C-alpha atoms as a PDB file:
ATOM      1  CA  MET A   1       0.000   0.000   0.000  1.00  0.00           C
ATOM      2  CA  THR A   2       1.400   3.369  -1.021  1.00  0.00           C
ATOM      3  CA  MET A   3       0.916   6.208   1.384  1.00  0.00           C
ATOM      4  CA  GLN A   4      -0.099   9.544  -0.061  1.00  0.00           C
ATOM      5  CA  LYS A   5       1.889  12.306   1.595  1.00  0.00           C
ATOM      6  CA  ILE A   6      -0.060  14.907   3.528  1.00  0.00           C
ATOM      7  CA  ASP A   7       0.669  18.517   2.576  1.00  0.00           C
ATOM      8  CA  PHE A   8       0.947  19.769   6.137  1.00  0.00           C
ATOM      9  CA  TYR A   9       1.552  23.380   5.078  1.00  0.00           C
ATOM     10  CA  ASN A  10      -1.820  23.564   3.345  1.00  0.00           C
ATOM     11  CA  GLN A  11      -3.758  21.375   5.770  1.00  0.00           C
ATOM     12  CA  ALA A  12      -2.969  23.543   8.809  1.00  0.00           C
ATOM     13  CA  PRO A  13      -1.945  26.976   7.498  1.00  0.00           C
ATOM     14  CA  GLY A  14      -2.786  28.780  10.736  1.00  0.00           C
ATOM     15  CA  ALA A  15      -0.628  26.454  12.813  1.00  0.00           C
ATOM     16  CA  ILE A  16       2.234  26.585  10.322  1.00  0.00           C
ATOM     17  CA  LYS A  17       2.023  30.391  10.329  1.00  0.00           C
ATOM     18  CA  ILE A  18       2.490  30.341  14.115  1.00  0.00           C
ATOM     19  CA  LEU A  19       5.615  28.204  13.710  1.00  0.00           C
ATOM     20  CA  LEU A  20       6.955  30.451  10.942  1.00  0.00           C
ATOM     21  CA  ASP A  21       6.245  33.569  13.023  1.00  0.00           C
ATOM     22  CA  GLN A  22       8.168  31.945  15.865  1.00  0.00           C
ATOM     23  CA  GLU A  23      11.097  31.421  13.465  1.00  0.00           C
ATOM     24  CA  GLU A  24      11.046  35.127  12.587  1.00  0.00           C
ATOM     25  CA  TYR A  25      11.013  36.010  16.292  1.00  0.00           C
ATOM     26  CA  LEU A  26      13.997  33.734  16.934  1.00  0.00           C
ATOM     27  CA  LYS A  27      15.886  35.084  13.935  1.00  0.00           C
ATOM     28  CA  ALA A  28      15.446  38.619  15.277  1.00  0.00           C
ATOM     29  CA  CYS A  29      16.459  37.618  18.818  1.00  0.00           C
ATOM     30  CA  PHE A  30      19.553  35.693  17.759  1.00  0.00           C
ATOM     31  CA  SER A  31      20.582  38.323  15.188  1.00  0.00           C
ATOM     32  CA  ASP A  32      20.297  41.094  17.763  1.00  0.00           C
ATOM     33  CA  SER A  33      22.155  39.230  20.521  1.00  0.00           C
ATOM     34  CA  ALA A  34      25.928  39.530  20.644  1.00  0.00           C
ATOM     35  CA  GLU A  35      25.962  36.532  22.977  1.00  0.00           C
ATOM     36  CA  LEU A  36      23.798  34.225  20.858  1.00  0.00           C
ATOM     37  CA  GLY A  37      24.115  34.969  17.124  1.00  0.00           C
ATOM     38  CA  MET A  38      22.759  33.274  14.019  1.00  0.00           C
ATOM     39  CA  ALA A  39      25.683  30.849  13.700  1.00  0.00           C
ATOM     40  CA  LEU A  40      24.848  29.435  17.133  1.00  0.00           C
ATOM     41  CA  LEU A  41      21.174  29.133  16.191  1.00  0.00           C
ATOM     42  CA  GLU A  42      22.062  27.069  13.107  1.00  0.00           C
ATOM     43  CA  LEU A  43      24.420  24.826  15.098  1.00  0.00           C
ATOM     44  CA  VAL A  44      21.657  24.181  17.629  1.00  0.00           C
ATOM     45  CA  LYS A  45      19.081  23.483  14.901  1.00  0.00           C
ATOM     46  CA  LEU A  46      21.441  21.110  13.139  1.00  0.00           C
ATOM     47  CA  ARG A  47      22.465  19.254  16.306  1.00  0.00           C
ATOM     48  CA  VAL A  48      18.881  18.801  17.515  1.00  0.00           C
ATOM     49  CA  SER A  49      17.938  17.557  14.048  1.00  0.00           C
ATOM     50  CA  GLN A  50      20.794  15.029  14.237  1.00  0.00           C
ATOM     51  CA  VAL A  51      19.636  13.810  17.651  1.00  0.00           C
ATOM     52  CA  ASN A  52      16.084  13.455  16.298  1.00  0.00           C
ATOM     53  CA  GLN A  53      17.330  11.844  13.063  1.00  0.00           C
ATOM     54  CA  CYS A  54      15.335  14.245  10.918  1.00  0.00           C
ATOM     55  CA  ALA A  55      16.854  13.916   7.445  1.00  0.00           C
ATOM     56  CA  PHE A  56      14.920  16.837   5.956  1.00  0.00           C
ATOM     57  CA  CYS A  57      15.970  19.213   8.747  1.00  0.00           C
ATOM     58  CA  ILE A  58      19.587  17.987   8.734  1.00  0.00           C
ATOM     59  CA  ASP A  59      19.733  18.745   5.009  1.00  0.00           C
ATOM     60  CA  MET A  60      18.126  22.161   5.496  1.00  0.00           C
ATOM     61  CA  HIS A  61      20.252  23.323   8.408  1.00  0.00           C
ATOM     62  CA  THR A  62      23.482  21.986   6.942  1.00  0.00           C
ATOM     63  CA  LYS A  63      22.810  24.016   3.799  1.00  0.00           C
ATOM     64  CA  ASP A  64      21.859  27.103   5.831  1.00  0.00           C
ATOM     65  CA  ALA A  65      24.970  26.771   8.010  1.00  0.00           C
ATOM     66  CA  VAL A  66      27.219  26.451   4.950  1.00  0.00           C
ATOM     67  CA  ALA A  67      25.520  29.454   3.329  1.00  0.00           C
ATOM     68  CA  MET A  68      26.217  31.449   6.506  1.00  0.00           C
ATOM     69  CA  GLY A  69      29.904  30.553   6.290  1.00  0.00           C
ATOM     70  CA  GLU A  70      30.101  27.641   8.723  1.00  0.00           C
ATOM     71  CA  SER A  71      33.135  25.435   8.074  1.00  0.00           C
ATOM     72  CA  PRO A  72      32.641  21.921   6.731  1.00  0.00           C
ATOM     73  CA  GLN A  73      34.993  20.660   9.454  1.00  0.00           C
ATOM     74  CA  ARG A  74      32.722  21.904  12.235  1.00  0.00           C
ATOM     75  CA  ILE A  75      29.625  20.540  10.505  1.00  0.00           C
ATOM     76  CA  TYR A  76      31.243  17.107  10.122  1.00  0.00           C
ATOM     77  CA  ALA A  77      32.321  17.132  13.777  1.00  0.00           C
ATOM     78  CA  LEU A  78      29.029  18.381  15.202  1.00  0.00           C
ATOM     79  CA  SER A  79      27.672  14.939  16.031  1.00  0.00           C
ATOM     80  CA  ALA A  80      30.788  14.395  18.186  1.00  0.00           C
ATOM     81  CA  TRP A  81      31.099  17.963  19.488  1.00  0.00           C
ATOM     82  CA  ARG A  82      32.146  16.852  22.982  1.00  0.00           C
ATOM     83  CA  ASP A  83      35.336  15.324  21.567  1.00  0.00           C
ATOM     84  CA  ALA A  84      36.047  17.871  18.830  1.00  0.00           C
ATOM     85  CA  PRO A  85      38.243  20.904  19.589  1.00  0.00           C
ATOM     86  CA  PHE A  86      36.421  23.157  17.111  1.00  0.00           C
ATOM     87  CA  PHE A  87      33.676  24.477  19.397  1.00  0.00           C
ATOM     88  CA  SER A  88      33.852  27.320  21.904  1.00  0.00           C
ATOM     89  CA  ASN A  89      32.731  26.998  25.517  1.00  0.00           C
ATOM     90  CA  ARG A  90      29.645  29.046  24.626  1.00  0.00           C
ATOM     91  CA  GLU A  91      28.777  26.698  21.766  1.00  0.00           C
ATOM     92  CA  ARG A  92      29.409  23.630  23.926  1.00  0.00           C
ATOM     93  CA  LEU A  93      27.070  24.945  26.590  1.00  0.00           C
ATOM     94  CA  ALA A  94      24.353  25.652  24.010  1.00  0.00           C
ATOM     95  CA  LEU A  95      24.763  22.213  22.429  1.00  0.00           C
ATOM     96  CA  ASP A  96      24.640  20.525  25.835  1.00  0.00           C
ATOM     97  CA  TRP A  97      21.483  22.482  26.675  1.00  0.00           C
ATOM     98  CA  ALA A  98      19.911  21.599  23.324  1.00  0.00           C
ATOM     99  CA  GLU A  99      20.622  17.901  23.783  1.00  0.00           C
ATOM    100  CA  SER A 100      19.414  17.954  27.395  1.00  0.00           C
ATOM    101  CA  LEU A 101      16.075  19.470  26.418  1.00  0.00           C
ATOM    102  CA  THR A 102      15.686  17.276  23.343  1.00  0.00           C
ATOM    103  CA  LEU A 103      16.363  14.120  25.347  1.00  0.00           C
ATOM    104  CA  ASN A 104      14.124  15.323  28.199  1.00  0.00           C
ATOM    105  CA  GLN A 105      16.899  15.150  30.787  1.00  0.00           C
ATOM    106  CA  ASP A 106      16.569  16.602  34.262  1.00  0.00           C
ATOM    107  CA  ILE A 107      17.643  20.228  34.559  1.00  0.00           C
ATOM    108  CA  ASP A 108      19.688  20.535  37.714  1.00  0.00           C
ATOM    109  CA  ASP A 109      20.854  23.698  39.458  1.00  0.00           C
ATOM    110  CA  ASP A 110      24.443  23.323  38.219  1.00  0.00           C
ATOM    111  CA  ARG A 111      23.359  23.223  34.593  1.00  0.00           C
ATOM    112  CA  MET A 112      21.120  26.274  35.042  1.00  0.00           C
ATOM    113  CA  LYS A 113      23.910  28.136  36.882  1.00  0.00           C
ATOM    114  CA  ALA A 114      26.284  27.468  33.981  1.00  0.00           C
ATOM    115  CA  LEU A 115      23.717  28.929  31.588  1.00  0.00           C
ATOM    116  CA  GLN A 116      23.200  31.978  33.803  1.00  0.00           C
ATOM    117  CA  ASP A 117      26.957  32.529  34.001  1.00  0.00           C
ATOM    118  CA  MET A 118      27.092  32.625  30.188  1.00  0.00           C
ATOM    119  CA  TRP A 119      23.866  34.372  29.148  1.00  0.00           C
ATOM    120  CA  SER A 120      21.136  36.718  30.300  1.00  0.00           C
ATOM    121  CA  ASP A 121      17.820  35.270  31.408  1.00  0.00           C
ATOM    122  CA  ALA A 122      16.255  36.482  28.143  1.00  0.00           C
ATOM    123  CA  ASP A 123      18.947  34.726  26.100  1.00  0.00           C
ATOM    124  CA  ILE A 124      18.384  31.484  28.045  1.00  0.00           C
ATOM    125  CA  VAL A 125      14.646  31.687  27.404  1.00  0.00           C
ATOM    126  CA  ASN A 126      15.179  32.396  23.696  1.00  0.00           C
ATOM    127  CA  LEU A 127      17.688  29.543  23.382  1.00  0.00           C
ATOM    128  CA  THR A 128      15.165  27.243  25.061  1.00  0.00           C
ATOM    129  CA  ILE A 129      12.415  28.382  22.688  1.00  0.00           C
ATOM    130  CA  ALA A 130      14.763  27.764  19.747  1.00  0.00           C
ATOM    131  CA  VAL A 131      15.377  24.198  20.923  1.00  0.00           C
ATOM    132  CA  ASN A 132      11.642  23.689  21.367  1.00  0.00           C
ATOM    133  CA  ALA A 133      10.973  25.102  17.892  1.00  0.00           C
ATOM    134  CA  ILE A 134      13.381  22.818  16.050  1.00  0.00           C
ATOM    135  CA  ASN A 135      12.122  19.818  18.004  1.00  0.00           C
ATOM    136  CA  SER A 136       8.621  20.702  16.800  1.00  0.00           C
ATOM    137  CA  TRP A 137       9.747  21.035  13.177  1.00  0.00           C
ATOM    138  CA  ASN A 138      11.673  17.745  13.433  1.00  0.00           C
ATOM    139  CA  ARG A 139       8.585  15.921  14.580  1.00  0.00           C
ATOM    140  CA  ILE A 140       6.455  17.431  11.827  1.00  0.00           C
ATOM    141  CA  ALA A 141       9.032  16.587   9.151  1.00  0.00           C
ATOM    142  CA  ARG A 142       9.571  13.051  10.442  1.00  0.00           C
ATOM    143  CA  THR A 143       5.810  12.495  10.444  1.00  0.00           C
ATOM    144  CA  PHE A 144       4.944  13.918   7.033  1.00  0.00           C
ATOM    145  CA  LYS A 145       8.271  13.176   5.274  1.00  0.00           C
ATOM    146  CA  PRO A 146       8.857  16.090   2.902  1.00  0.00           C
ATOM    147  CA  GLU A 147      11.332  15.295   0.118  1.00  0.00           C
ATOM    148  CA  VAL A 148      14.911  15.323   1.380  1.00  0.00           C
ATOM    149  CA  GLY A 149      17.589  17.022  -0.689  1.00  0.00           C
ATOM    150  CA  GLY A 150      15.609  19.605  -2.606  1.00  0.00           C
ATOM    151  CA  TYR A 151      15.931  22.437  -0.097  1.00  0.00           C
ATOM    152  CA  GLN A 152      17.716  25.533  -1.396  1.00  0.00           C
ATOM    153  CA  SER A 153      18.999  27.890   1.268  1.00  0.00           C
ATOM    154  CA  PRO A 154      17.636  31.428   0.887  1.00  0.00           C
ATOM    155  CA  LEU A 155      20.915  32.537   2.482  1.00  0.00           C
ATOM    156  CA  GLN A 156      22.967  31.574  -0.600  1.00  0.00           C
ATOM    157  CA  ASN A 157      24.438  34.320  -2.710  1.00  0.00           C
END
């Protein structure tokens, strides 16, 4: 039996608009924050997508990261970021936070203190919302299986 793919964009346009509006909010927050930045947002999106094994989102965020100037070496090493020397302490903390939330791990006081030592409360909230957002997109893409490989980054020159 062949499954007919559901066009989730057109079946729930109001809900998808909310998710897209959230993406615009996050883009503005990360662009405006000297402590967060768009490169960090793409690393987080890509790592969460790897953890969730979302092929569509891995393809998308790899292409977006490359278009933003991310090095292939760091992209290749992202799945083993703990052992790779290419990531800053700030990036490591964000990646640890992203994995912790994605894997529904307990949030202890030490982990929260480390976040508060690095970022403002607003930045921590926005980073958390970013992790939540990509987890949501991953689950939608894994459910409805959009074609992998056809994404063209709007960030390309």
